[in-house]
C-alpha atoms as a PDB file:
ATOM      1  CA  MET A   1       0.000   0.000   0.000  1.00  0.00           C
ATOM      2  CA  HIS A   2       1.401   3.363  -0.988  1.00  0.00           C
ATOM      3  CA  LEU A   3       2.026   5.970   1.735  1.00  0.00           C
ATOM      4  CA  VAL A   4      -0.724   8.272   0.449  1.00  0.00           C
ATOM      5  CA  GLN A   5      -3.277   5.472   0.529  1.00  0.00           C
ATOM      6  CA  HIS A   6      -2.154   4.510   4.024  1.00  0.00           C
ATOM      7  CA  LEU A   7      -2.608   8.048   5.335  1.00  0.00           C
ATOM      8  CA  ARG A   8      -6.019   8.328   3.676  1.00  0.00           C
ATOM      9  CA  ARG A   9      -7.111   5.072   5.299  1.00  0.00           C
ATOM     10  CA  LEU A  10      -5.984   6.355   8.735  1.00  0.00           C
ATOM     11  CA  ALA A  11      -7.986   9.548   8.224  1.00  0.00           C
ATOM     12  CA  GLU A  12     -11.121   7.561   7.339  1.00  0.00           C
ATOM     13  CA  LEU A  13     -10.737   5.380  10.421  1.00  0.00           C
ATOM     14  CA  ARG A  14     -10.299   8.456  12.613  1.00  0.00           C
ATOM     15  CA  GLU A  15     -13.470  10.076  11.257  1.00  0.00           C
ATOM     16  CA  ARG A  16     -15.441   6.833  11.695  1.00  0.00           C
ATOM     17  CA  PHE A  17     -14.225   6.490  15.291  1.00  0.00           C
ATOM     18  CA  ALA A  18     -15.035  10.103  16.104  1.00  0.00           C
ATOM     19  CA  SER A  19     -18.537   9.945  14.646  1.00  0.00           C
ATOM     20  CA  ARG A  20     -19.253   6.677  16.466  1.00  0.00           C
ATOM     21  CA  ASN A  21     -18.438   8.364  19.795  1.00  0.00           C
ATOM     22  CA  GLY A  22     -20.253  11.560  18.923  1.00  0.00           C
ATOM     23  CA  ASN A  23     -17.017  13.545  19.184  1.00  0.00           C
ATOM     24  CA  ILE A  24     -16.022  14.925  15.848  1.00  0.00           C
ATOM     25  CA  GLY A  25     -12.613  16.536  16.092  1.00  0.00           C
ATOM     26  CA  ARG A  26     -12.553  20.300  15.766  1.00  0.00           C
ATOM     27  CA  PRO A  27      -9.715  22.246  14.169  1.00  0.00           C
ATOM     28  CA  ARG A  28      -7.544  24.318  16.505  1.00  0.00           C
ATOM     29  CA  ILE A  29      -8.607  27.940  16.784  1.00  0.00           C
ATOM     30  CA  PHE A  30      -5.898  30.534  17.197  1.00  0.00           C
ATOM     31  CA  ARG A  31      -7.079  33.778  18.776  1.00  0.00           C
ATOM     32  CA  ASN A  32      -5.509  37.057  17.818  1.00  0.00           C
ATOM     33  CA  ARG A  33      -3.199  38.375  20.538  1.00  0.00           C
ATOM     34  CA  ASP A  34      -2.924  42.085  21.075  1.00  0.00           C
ATOM     35  CA  ASP A  35       0.619  43.397  21.080  1.00  0.00           C
ATOM     36  CA  VAL A  36       0.635  45.392  24.322  1.00  0.00           C
ATOM     37  CA  LEU A  37       4.082  46.703  23.512  1.00  0.00           C
ATOM     38  CA  ASP A  38       2.392  48.763  20.804  1.00  0.00           C
ATOM     39  CA  THR A  39      -1.040  49.397  22.316  1.00  0.00           C
ATOM     40  CA  LEU A  40      -0.049  50.613  25.817  1.00  0.00           C
ATOM     41  CA  ASN A  41       1.526  53.989  26.474  1.00  0.00           C
ATOM     42  CA  ASP A  42       4.562  54.228  28.754  1.00  0.00           C
ATOM     43  CA  ASN A  43       2.598  54.956  31.929  1.00  0.00           C
ATOM     44  CA  GLU A  44       0.095  52.155  31.288  1.00  0.00           C
ATOM     45  CA  PHE A  45       2.934  49.722  30.624  1.00  0.00           C
ATOM     46  CA  LEU A  46       4.655  50.707  33.891  1.00  0.00           C
ATOM     47  CA  GLN A  47       1.460  50.298  35.922  1.00  0.00           C
ATOM     48  CA  ARG A  48       0.632  46.907  34.418  1.00  0.00           C
ATOM     49  CA  TYR A  49       4.087  45.310  34.354  1.00  0.00           C
ATOM     50  CA  ARG A  50       5.905  47.263  37.115  1.00  0.00           C
ATOM     51  CA  MET A  51       8.860  48.253  34.969  1.00  0.00           C
ATOM     52  CA  THR A  52       9.542  50.693  32.157  1.00  0.00           C
ATOM     53  CA  ARG A  53       9.448  49.617  28.535  1.00  0.00           C
ATOM     54  CA  LEU A  54      13.215  50.161  28.253  1.00  0.00           C
ATOM     55  CA  MET A  55      13.859  47.971  31.305  1.00  0.00           C
ATOM     56  CA  PHE A  56      11.604  45.305  29.822  1.00  0.00           C
ATOM     57  CA  TYR A  57      13.652  45.103  26.642  1.00  0.00           C
ATOM     58  CA  ASP A  58      16.898  45.060  28.638  1.00  0.00           C
ATOM     59  CA  LEU A  59      15.605  42.187  30.815  1.00  0.00           C
ATOM     60  CA  LEU A  60      14.335  40.366  27.743  1.00  0.00           C
ATOM     61  CA  GLY A  61      17.803  40.525  26.227  1.00  0.00           C
ATOM     62  CA  GLN A  62      19.262  38.852  29.321  1.00  0.00           C
ATOM     63  CA  ILE A  63      16.946  35.819  29.221  1.00  0.00           C
ATOM     64  CA  ARG A  64      15.838  35.574  25.584  1.00  0.00           C
ATOM     65  CA  ASP A  65      18.098  32.626  24.734  1.00  0.00           C
ATOM     66  CA  ASN A  66      16.654  30.621  27.643  1.00  0.00           C
ATOM     67  CA  ILE A  67      12.971  31.103  26.821  1.00  0.00           C
ATOM     68  CA  GLU A  68      12.717  31.457  23.061  1.00  0.00           C
ATOM     69  CA  HIS A  69      10.945  28.488  21.473  1.00  0.00           C
ATOM     70  CA  ASN A  70      13.085  26.573  19.011  1.00  0.00           C
ATOM     71  CA  THR A  71      10.232  26.014  16.563  1.00  0.00           C
ATOM     72  CA  LYS A  72       8.950  27.284  13.244  1.00  0.00           C
ATOM     73  CA  GLN A  73       5.305  27.234  14.320  1.00  0.00           C
ATOM     74  CA  ASN A  74       3.580  30.497  13.451  1.00  0.00           C
ATOM     75  CA  HIS A  75       1.522  30.615  16.666  1.00  0.00           C
ATOM     76  CA  ALA A  76       4.262  29.880  19.219  1.00  0.00           C
ATOM     77  CA  LEU A  77       4.621  32.543  21.914  1.00  0.00           C
ATOM     78  CA  THR A  78       7.510  34.887  21.326  1.00  0.00           C
ATOM     79  CA  ALA A  79      10.092  35.510  24.051  1.00  0.00           C
ATOM     80  CA  ALA A  80       8.553  38.961  24.625  1.00  0.00           C
ATOM     81  CA  GLN A  81       5.057  37.524  25.046  1.00  0.00           C
ATOM     82  CA  GLN A  82       6.335  34.945  27.534  1.00  0.00           C
ATOM     83  CA  LEU A  83       8.054  37.595  29.644  1.00  0.00           C
ATOM     84  CA  LEU A  84       4.910  39.749  29.574  1.00  0.00           C
ATOM     85  CA  ILE A  85       2.862  36.812  30.909  1.00  0.00           C
ATOM     86  CA  GLU A  86       5.352  36.284  33.746  1.00  0.00           C
ATOM     87  CA  LEU A  87       5.500  39.957  34.705  1.00  0.00           C
ATOM     88  CA  ARG A  88       1.721  40.332  34.626  1.00  0.00           C
ATOM     89  CA  PHE A  89       1.252  37.289  36.835  1.00  0.00           C
ATOM     90  CA  LEU A  90       3.782  38.566  39.377  1.00  0.00           C
ATOM     91  CA  ALA A  91       2.453  42.123  39.370  1.00  0.00           C
ATOM     92  CA  SER A  92      -1.276  41.382  39.505  1.00  0.00           C
ATOM     93  CA  GLY A  93      -1.518  38.252  41.653  1.00  0.00           C
ATOM     94  CA  SER A  94      -4.364  37.130  39.388  1.00  0.00           C
ATOM     95  CA  PHE A  95      -5.305  33.509  38.790  1.00  0.00           C
ATOM     96  CA  GLN A  96      -3.594  31.909  35.808  1.00  0.00           C
ATOM     97  CA  GLN A  97      -6.985  31.550  34.068  1.00  0.00           C
ATOM     98  CA  VAL A  98      -7.473  35.322  34.267  1.00  0.00           C
ATOM     99  CA  ILE A  99      -4.014  35.885  32.783  1.00  0.00           C
ATOM    100  CA  ALA A 100      -4.837  33.363  30.043  1.00  0.00           C
ATOM    101  CA  ASN A 101      -8.072  35.150  29.135  1.00  0.00           C
ATOM    102  CA  THR A 102      -6.305  38.507  29.053  1.00  0.00           C
ATOM    103  CA  ILE A 103      -3.380  37.345  26.913  1.00  0.00           C
ATOM    104  CA  LYS A 104      -5.718  35.129  24.814  1.00  0.00           C
ATOM    105  CA  VAL A 105      -3.966  31.805  25.369  1.00  0.00           C
ATOM    106  CA  ASN A 106      -4.848  28.591  27.184  1.00  0.00           C
ATOM    107  CA  LYS A 107      -4.379  28.293  30.939  1.00  0.00           C
ATOM    108  CA  SER A 108      -1.942  25.405  30.403  1.00  0.00           C
ATOM    109  CA  THR A 109       0.162  27.692  28.210  1.00  0.00           C
ATOM    110  CA  VAL A 110       0.293  30.291  30.985  1.00  0.00           C
ATOM    111  CA  CYS A 111       1.339  27.628  33.511  1.00  0.00           C
ATOM    112  CA  ARG A 112       4.154  26.333  31.301  1.00  0.00           C
ATOM    113  CA  THR A 113       5.260  29.864  30.467  1.00  0.00           C
ATOM    114  CA  ILE A 114       5.473  30.924  34.112  1.00  0.00           C
ATOM    115  CA  THR A 115       7.603  27.860  34.882  1.00  0.00           C
ATOM    116  CA  ARG A 116       9.843  28.477  31.896  1.00  0.00           C
ATOM    117  CA  VAL A 117      10.410  32.204  32.484  1.00  0.00           C
ATOM    118  CA  THR A 118      10.754  31.807  36.257  1.00  0.00           C
ATOM    119  CA  ASN A 119      13.594  29.315  35.772  1.00  0.00           C
ATOM    120  CA  ALA A 120      15.264  31.678  33.303  1.00  0.00           C
ATOM    121  CA  LEU A 121      15.036  34.641  35.684  1.00  0.00           C
ATOM    122  CA  LEU A 122      16.520  32.562  38.508  1.00  0.00           C
ATOM    123  CA  ASN A 123      19.775  32.519  36.545  1.00  0.00           C
ATOM    124  CA  LEU A 124      20.077  36.254  37.329  1.00  0.00           C
ATOM    125  CA  GLN A 125      19.989  35.720  41.096  1.00  0.00           C
ATOM    126  CA  ASN A 126      23.689  36.281  41.769  1.00  0.00           C
ATOM    127  CA  SER A 127      23.633  39.466  39.698  1.00  0.00           C
ATOM    128  CA  PHE A 128      20.848  41.113  41.701  1.00  0.00           C
ATOM    129  CA  ILE A 129      20.840  39.475  45.159  1.00  0.00           C
ATOM    130  CA  TYR A 130      24.180  39.740  46.948  1.00  0.00           C
ATOM    131  CA  TRP A 131      25.854  41.335  49.944  1.00  0.00           C
ATOM    132  CA  PRO A 132      27.088  44.836  49.040  1.00  0.00           C
ATOM    133  CA  SER A 133      30.768  45.448  48.393  1.00  0.00           C
ATOM    134  CA  GLU A 134      33.024  47.062  51.007  1.00  0.00           C
ATOM    135  CA  GLN A 135      32.660  50.443  49.282  1.00  0.00           C
ATOM    136  CA  GLU A 136      28.866  50.117  49.165  1.00  0.00           C
ATOM    137  CA  CYS A 137      28.782  49.079  52.830  1.00  0.00           C
ATOM    138  CA  ALA A 138      30.842  52.132  53.793  1.00  0.00           C
ATOM    139  CA  ARG A 139      28.496  54.426  51.870  1.00  0.00           C
ATOM    140  CA  THR A 140      25.415  52.783  53.406  1.00  0.00           C
ATOM    141  CA  SER A 141      26.904  52.996  56.880  1.00  0.00           C
ATOM    142  CA  SER A 142      27.562  56.702  56.459  1.00  0.00           C
ATOM    143  CA  ILE A 143      23.986  57.396  55.361  1.00  0.00           C
ATOM    144  CA  ILE A 144      22.516  55.381  58.250  1.00  0.00           C
ATOM    145  CA  TYR A 145      24.763  57.095  60.788  1.00  0.00           C
ATOM    146  CA  GLN A 146      23.595  60.536  59.673  1.00  0.00           C
ATOM    147  CA  SER A 147      19.957  59.670  60.384  1.00  0.00           C
ATOM    148  CA  THR A 148      20.213  57.277  63.368  1.00  0.00           C
ATOM    149  CA  LYS A 149      23.700  57.821  64.889  1.00  0.00           C
ATOM    150  CA  PHE A 150      24.285  54.057  64.714  1.00  0.00           C
ATOM    151  CA  PRO A 151      27.887  53.481  63.577  1.00  0.00           C
ATOM    152  CA  CYS A 152      29.112  50.689  61.267  1.00  0.00           C
ATOM    153  CA  VAL A 153      25.662  49.466  60.190  1.00  0.00           C
ATOM    154  CA  GLU A 154      25.985  47.397  57.013  1.00  0.00           C
ATOM    155  CA  GLY A 155      22.312  46.527  56.684  1.00  0.00           C
ATOM    156  CA  PHE A 156      19.014  45.425  58.217  1.00  0.00           C
ATOM    157  CA  VAL A 157      17.346  42.043  58.556  1.00  0.00           C
ATOM    158  CA  ASP A 158      13.662  41.159  58.617  1.00  0.00           C
ATOM    159  CA  GLY A 159      11.238  38.586  57.218  1.00  0.00           C
ATOM    160  CA  THR A 160       7.738  38.417  55.833  1.00  0.00           C
ATOM    161  CA  HIS A 161       5.026  35.829  55.455  1.00  0.00           C
ATOM    162  CA  VAL A 162       3.798  34.484  52.111  1.00  0.00           C
ATOM    163  CA  GLN A 163       0.525  32.570  52.128  1.00  0.00           C
ATOM    164  CA  ILE A 164       0.152  29.405  50.052  1.00  0.00           C
ATOM    165  CA  VAL A 165      -3.483  28.552  49.465  1.00  0.00           C
ATOM    166  CA  LYS A 166      -3.302  25.326  47.480  1.00  0.00           C
ATOM    167  CA  LYS A 167      -2.813  22.955  50.419  1.00  0.00           C
ATOM    168  CA  HIS A 168      -4.110  25.344  53.093  1.00  0.00           C
ATOM    169  CA  THR A 169      -0.579  25.957  54.297  1.00  0.00           C
ATOM    170  CA  SER A 170       1.685  28.948  54.485  1.00  0.00           C
ATOM    171  CA  MET A 171       5.381  29.593  54.449  1.00  0.00           C
ATOM    172  CA  ASN A 172       7.864  32.265  55.405  1.00  0.00           C
ATOM    173  CA  SER A 173       9.478  34.036  52.477  1.00  0.00           C
ATOM    174  CA  LYS A 174      12.774  32.279  53.139  1.00  0.00           C
ATOM    175  CA  VAL A 175      12.662  28.680  54.277  1.00  0.00           C
ATOM    176  CA  GLY A 176       9.352  27.756  55.896  1.00  0.00           C
ATOM    177  CA  SER A 177       6.662  28.574  58.408  1.00  0.00           C
ATOM    178  CA  VAL A 178       9.050  29.241  61.302  1.00  0.00           C
ATOM    179  CA  ASN A 179      10.067  32.287  63.314  1.00  0.00           C
ATOM    180  CA  ASP A 180      12.636  34.859  62.230  1.00  0.00           C
ATOM    181  CA  ALA A 181      15.323  33.616  64.629  1.00  0.00           C
ATOM    182  CA  ARG A 182      15.177  30.050  63.287  1.00  0.00           C
ATOM    183  CA  ILE A 183      15.414  31.275  59.712  1.00  0.00           C
ATOM    184  CA  LEU A 184      18.443  33.404  60.490  1.00  0.00           C
ATOM    185  CA  LEU A 185      20.270  30.618  62.327  1.00  0.00           C
ATOM    186  CA  ASN A 186      19.855  28.371  59.284  1.00  0.00           C
ATOM    187  CA  SER A 187      20.830  30.976  56.698  1.00  0.00           C
ATOM    188  CA  SER A 188      24.023  31.564  54.732  1.00  0.00           C
ATOM    189  CA  LEU A 189      24.090  35.086  56.212  1.00  0.00           C
ATOM    190  CA  TYR A 190      24.502  33.676  59.718  1.00  0.00           C
ATOM    191  CA  GLU A 191      27.166  31.278  58.462  1.00  0.00           C
ATOM    192  CA  LYS A 192      29.187  34.047  56.815  1.00  0.00           C
ATOM    193  CA  PHE A 193      29.085  36.305  59.863  1.00  0.00           C
ATOM    194  CA  THR A 194      29.931  33.415  62.184  1.00  0.00           C
ATOM    195  CA  GLU A 195      32.898  32.423  60.008  1.00  0.00           C
ATOM    196  CA  GLN A 196      33.900  36.116  59.809  1.00  0.00           C
ATOM    197  CA  VAL A 197      33.570  36.259  56.029  1.00  0.00           C
ATOM    198  CA  LEU A 198      31.352  39.200  56.898  1.00  0.00           C
ATOM    199  CA  PRO A 199      31.186  42.013  57.945  1.00  0.00           C
ATOM    200  CA  TYR A 200      33.304  43.980  55.538  1.00  0.00           C
ATOM    201  CA  LEU A 201      33.622  46.981  57.854  1.00  0.00           C
ATOM    202  CA  PRO A 202      35.565  46.854  61.147  1.00  0.00           C
ATOM    203  CA  ASN A 203      33.016  46.170  63.898  1.00  0.00           C
ATOM    204  CA  GLY A 204      30.302  46.082  61.241  1.00  0.00           C
ATOM    205  CA  ILE A 205      26.798  45.198  62.415  1.00  0.00           C
ATOM    206  CA  ILE A 206      23.292  44.655  61.127  1.00  0.00           C
ATOM    207  CA  LEU A 207      20.109  45.714  62.907  1.00  0.00           C
ATOM    208  CA  GLY A 208      17.028  43.585  63.527  1.00  0.00           C
ATOM    209  CA  ASP A 209      13.876  43.733  65.603  1.00  0.00           C
ATOM    210  CA  ALA A 210      13.261  41.827  68.824  1.00  0.00           C
ATOM    211  CA  GLY A 211      12.255  38.711  66.910  1.00  0.00           C
ATOM    212  CA  TYR A 212      15.949  38.044  66.265  1.00  0.00           C
ATOM    213  CA  PRO A 213      18.657  36.843  68.653  1.00  0.00           C
ATOM    214  CA  LEU A 214      21.117  39.335  70.078  1.00  0.00           C
ATOM    215  CA  LEU A 215      24.551  38.568  68.620  1.00  0.00           C
ATOM    216  CA  GLU A 216      27.872  40.326  68.446  1.00  0.00           C
ATOM    217  CA  TRP A 217      27.106  41.469  64.892  1.00  0.00           C
ATOM    218  CA  LEU A 218      23.283  41.654  65.167  1.00  0.00           C
ATOM    219  CA  LEU A 219      21.834  44.266  67.512  1.00  0.00           C
ATOM    220  CA  VAL A 220      18.224  44.205  68.675  1.00  0.00           C
ATOM    221  CA  PRO A 221      16.402  46.658  70.982  1.00  0.00           C
ATOM    222  CA  TYR A 222      16.389  46.450  74.764  1.00  0.00           C
ATOM    223  CA  VAL A 223      13.331  44.897  76.350  1.00  0.00           C
ATOM    224  CA  ASP A 224      11.200  47.595  77.956  1.00  0.00           C
ATOM    225  CA  HIS A 225      11.321  47.437  81.745  1.00  0.00           C
ATOM    226  CA  PRO A 226      10.776  49.935  84.604  1.00  0.00           C
ATOM    227  CA  GLY A 227      14.483  50.217  85.384  1.00  0.00           C
ATOM    228  CA  MET A 228      15.636  51.221  81.902  1.00  0.00           C
ATOM    229  CA  THR A 229      18.410  53.804  81.852  1.00  0.00           C
ATOM    230  CA  GLU A 230      18.267  56.952  79.772  1.00  0.00           C
ATOM    231  CA  GLY A 231      20.962  55.500  77.500  1.00  0.00           C
ATOM    232  CA  GLU A 232      18.884  52.367  76.883  1.00  0.00           C
ATOM    233  CA  ARG A 233      15.876  54.503  76.009  1.00  0.00           C
ATOM    234  CA  ARG A 234      17.927  56.545  73.520  1.00  0.00           C
ATOM    235  CA  PHE A 235      19.260  53.313  72.031  1.00  0.00           C
ATOM    236  CA  ASN A 236      15.731  51.945  71.559  1.00  0.00           C
ATOM    237  CA  LYS A 237      14.479  55.202  70.083  1.00  0.00           C
ATOM    238  CA  ALA A 238      17.254  55.263  67.485  1.00  0.00           C
ATOM    239  CA  HIS A 239      16.912  51.542  66.854  1.00  0.00           C
ATOM    240  CA  LYS A 240      13.146  51.758  66.356  1.00  0.00           C
ATOM    241  CA  SER A 241      13.465  54.158  63.438  1.00  0.00           C
ATOM    242  CA  ALA A 242      16.230  52.258  61.663  1.00  0.00           C
ATOM    243  CA  PRO A 243      14.594  48.841  60.967  1.00  0.00           C
ATOM    244  CA  CYS A 244      11.551  50.607  59.526  1.00  0.00           C
ATOM    245  CA  VAL A 245      13.595  50.863  56.321  1.00  0.00           C
ATOM    246  CA  ILE A 246      13.569  47.119  55.656  1.00  0.00           C
ATOM    247  CA  GLU A 247       9.917  46.811  56.669  1.00  0.00           C
ATOM    248  CA  GLN A 248       8.986  49.546  54.205  1.00  0.00           C
ATOM    249  CA  ILE A 249      11.014  47.812  51.491  1.00  0.00           C
ATOM    250  CA  ILE A 250       9.157  44.549  52.134  1.00  0.00           C
ATOM    251  CA  GLY A 251       5.869  46.459  51.961  1.00  0.00           C
ATOM    252  CA  ILE A 252       6.859  47.974  48.615  1.00  0.00           C
ATOM    253  CA  LEU A 253       8.002  44.550  47.362  1.00  0.00           C
ATOM    254  CA  LYS A 254       4.567  43.074  48.113  1.00  0.00           C
ATOM    255  CA  ARG A 255       2.790  46.082  46.649  1.00  0.00           C
ATOM    256  CA  ARG A 256       4.699  45.856  43.367  1.00  0.00           C
ATOM    257  CA  ARG A 257       4.540  42.025  43.201  1.00  0.00           C
ATOM    258  CA  ALA A 258       0.973  41.438  44.365  1.00  0.00           C
ATOM    259  CA  CYS A 259       1.310  37.674  43.815  1.00  0.00           C
ATOM    260  CA  LEU A 260       3.190  37.514  47.149  1.00  0.00           C
ATOM    261  CA  LYS A 261      -0.012  38.231  49.049  1.00  0.00           C
ATOM    262  CA  GLU A 262      -1.368  34.812  48.130  1.00  0.00           C
ATOM    263  CA  LEU A 263       0.117  32.051  45.957  1.00  0.00           C
ATOM    264  CA  HIS A 264      -1.876  29.141  44.542  1.00  0.00           C
ATOM    265  CA  LEU A 265       1.108  26.992  43.605  1.00  0.00           C
ATOM    266  CA  ARG A 266       3.165  24.116  44.944  1.00  0.00           C
ATOM    267  CA  PRO A 267       5.542  25.184  47.771  1.00  0.00           C
ATOM    268  CA  GLU A 268       8.594  24.346  45.633  1.00  0.00           C
ATOM    269  CA  LYS A 269       7.413  26.668  42.879  1.00  0.00           C
ATOM    270  CA  CYS A 270       6.431  29.328  45.415  1.00  0.00           C
ATOM    271  CA  CYS A 271      10.030  29.476  46.650  1.00  0.00           C
ATOM    272  CA  LYS A 272      11.200  30.177  43.109  1.00  0.00           C
ATOM    273  CA  ILE A 273       8.526  32.847  42.645  1.00  0.00           C
ATOM    274  CA  VAL A 274       9.599  34.630  45.853  1.00  0.00           C
ATOM    275  CA  ILE A 275      13.228  34.721  44.714  1.00  0.00           C
ATOM    276  CA  VAL A 276      12.250  36.007  41.265  1.00  0.00           C
ATOM    277  CA  CYS A 277      10.170  38.760  42.888  1.00  0.00           C
ATOM    278  CA  CYS A 278      13.243  39.829  44.881  1.00  0.00           C
ATOM    279  CA  ILE A 279      15.374  39.764  41.733  1.00  0.00           C
ATOM    280  CA  LEU A 280      12.894  42.002  39.911  1.00  0.00           C
ATOM    281  CA  HIS A 281      12.549  44.278  42.945  1.00  0.00           C
ATOM    282  CA  ASN A 282      16.290  44.957  42.929  1.00  0.00           C
ATOM    283  CA  TYR A 283      16.317  45.244  39.131  1.00  0.00           C
ATOM    284  CA  CYS A 284      13.600  47.914  39.324  1.00  0.00           C
ATOM    285  CA  ARG A 285      14.878  49.640  42.474  1.00  0.00           C
ATOM    286  CA  HIS A 286      15.461  52.980  40.711  1.00  0.00           C
ATOM    287  CA  ILE A 287      11.839  53.350  39.603  1.00  0.00           C
ATOM    288  CA  PRO A 288      10.306  56.212  41.654  1.00  0.00           C
ATOM    289  CA  LEU A 289       7.674  55.244  44.213  1.00  0.00           C
ATOM    290  CA  ASN A 290       4.069  56.176  43.546  1.00  0.00           C
ATOM    291  CA  GLU A 291       1.775  57.621  46.209  1.00  0.00           C
ATOM    292  CA  ASP A 292       0.475  54.230  47.373  1.00  0.00           C
ATOM    293  CA  GLU A 293       3.987  52.851  47.766  1.00  0.00           C
ATOM    294  CA  LEU A 294       5.077  55.887  49.754  1.00  0.00           C
ATOM    295  CA  ASN A 295       2.276  55.232  52.248  1.00  0.00           C
ATOM    296  CA  VAL A 296       3.089  51.585  52.901  1.00  0.00           C
ATOM    297  CA  ALA A 297       2.153  50.780  56.496  1.00  0.00           C
ATOM    298  CA  VAL A 298       4.616  48.883  58.657  1.00  0.00           C
ATOM    299  CA  ASP A 299       4.041  46.785  61.745  1.00  0.00           C
ATOM    300  CA  HIS A 300       6.596  45.885  64.399  1.00  0.00           C
ATOM    301  CA  GLU A 301       6.716  42.463  65.982  1.00  0.00           C
ATOM    302  CA  ARG A 302       8.314  42.410  69.418  1.00  0.00           C
ATOM    303  CA  ASP A 303       9.532  39.577  71.628  1.00  0.00           C
ATOM    304  CA  ASP A 304      10.821  39.739  75.185  1.00  0.00           C
ATOM    305  CA  GLU A 305      14.114  37.882  74.964  1.00  0.00           C
ATOM    306  CA  ASP A 306      17.776  38.768  74.791  1.00  0.00           C
ATOM    307  CA  TYR A 307      20.503  36.391  73.694  1.00  0.00           C
ATOM    308  CA  ASN A 308      24.267  36.161  73.645  1.00  0.00           C
ATOM    309  CA  GLU A 309      26.444  37.900  76.236  1.00  0.00           C
ATOM    310  CA  THR A 310      28.878  39.114  73.559  1.00  0.00           C
ATOM    311  CA  GLY A 311      25.989  40.801  71.801  1.00  0.00           C
ATOM    312  CA  LYS A 312      24.961  42.524  75.022  1.00  0.00           C
ATOM    313  CA  VAL A 313      28.477  43.890  75.404  1.00  0.00           C
ATOM    314  CA  ALA A 314      28.424  45.229  71.834  1.00  0.00           C
ATOM    315  CA  LYS A 315      25.026  46.802  72.403  1.00  0.00           C
ATOM    316  CA  ASN A 316      25.954  48.364  75.749  1.00  0.00           C
ATOM    317  CA  ALA A 317      29.100  49.819  74.215  1.00  0.00           C
ATOM    318  CA  MET A 318      26.916  52.041  71.978  1.00  0.00           C
ATOM    319  CA  ILE A 319      25.089  53.647  74.904  1.00  0.00           C
ATOM    320  CA  LEU A 320      26.468  57.086  75.668  1.00  0.00           C
END
């Protein structure tokens, strides 16, 4: 039997099988997709995707080779369309079906695209998430000292909670649903400070709220008590204003990447999404804040414990 006859026979059998089951195959329908890069003005693009058009093209150039489909199909998503889907999902926090309806693709396509682009963006982690250089630490320390009078501060530490809805569980933005102290003690940051890889500055410290342990290089506020000295009160007053910086940054992060308010994904994928949101936050850090972001509310969580005698000595040494 010639090949043409064989293919014709297969087609007849397929039609007979489909009609017998009352399920006649329908041809695929490709919906027209609007090119938002042409239809949105600059302000609309910024509000929808949380970055400027120029930054979008720059980011696209960094990951294009990792997301571009190696196919000649006319209806395959372009690298630009894939990145737009990812950015819209992260910025809006919408369900994948809503994103699919907006972009005019199937939900399964959105799911695969988010996985694909997320993995590509993770390759940029070391370029955008790192401890500042010695020069940057010195500049940061100088700025912090001018406003708080805390010397040698290289940075702040804090955490936030990210809710996972799928299995009625939730996780902390770093390693799990545990308190801040446990996360820190199991982090690479703690390891580097303990092994004296950090700090870069002599007697360099970081500041954290009372949810963290008191260490030689991590200073937390004094616990309020009736016998507090005037120096301890001044220390707490200065300390209280300083960590607000990191809390405001976390608030802005969640405002710009609304998906972090509630994720409907597997925990493993949620971890990747959180990291990608931090990468994009640092990538877009020079974008001016809008009015809503300037008014981000912050809440302080306080515990009543002190740790580490060496840390107490370091803290007491700052009281004048």
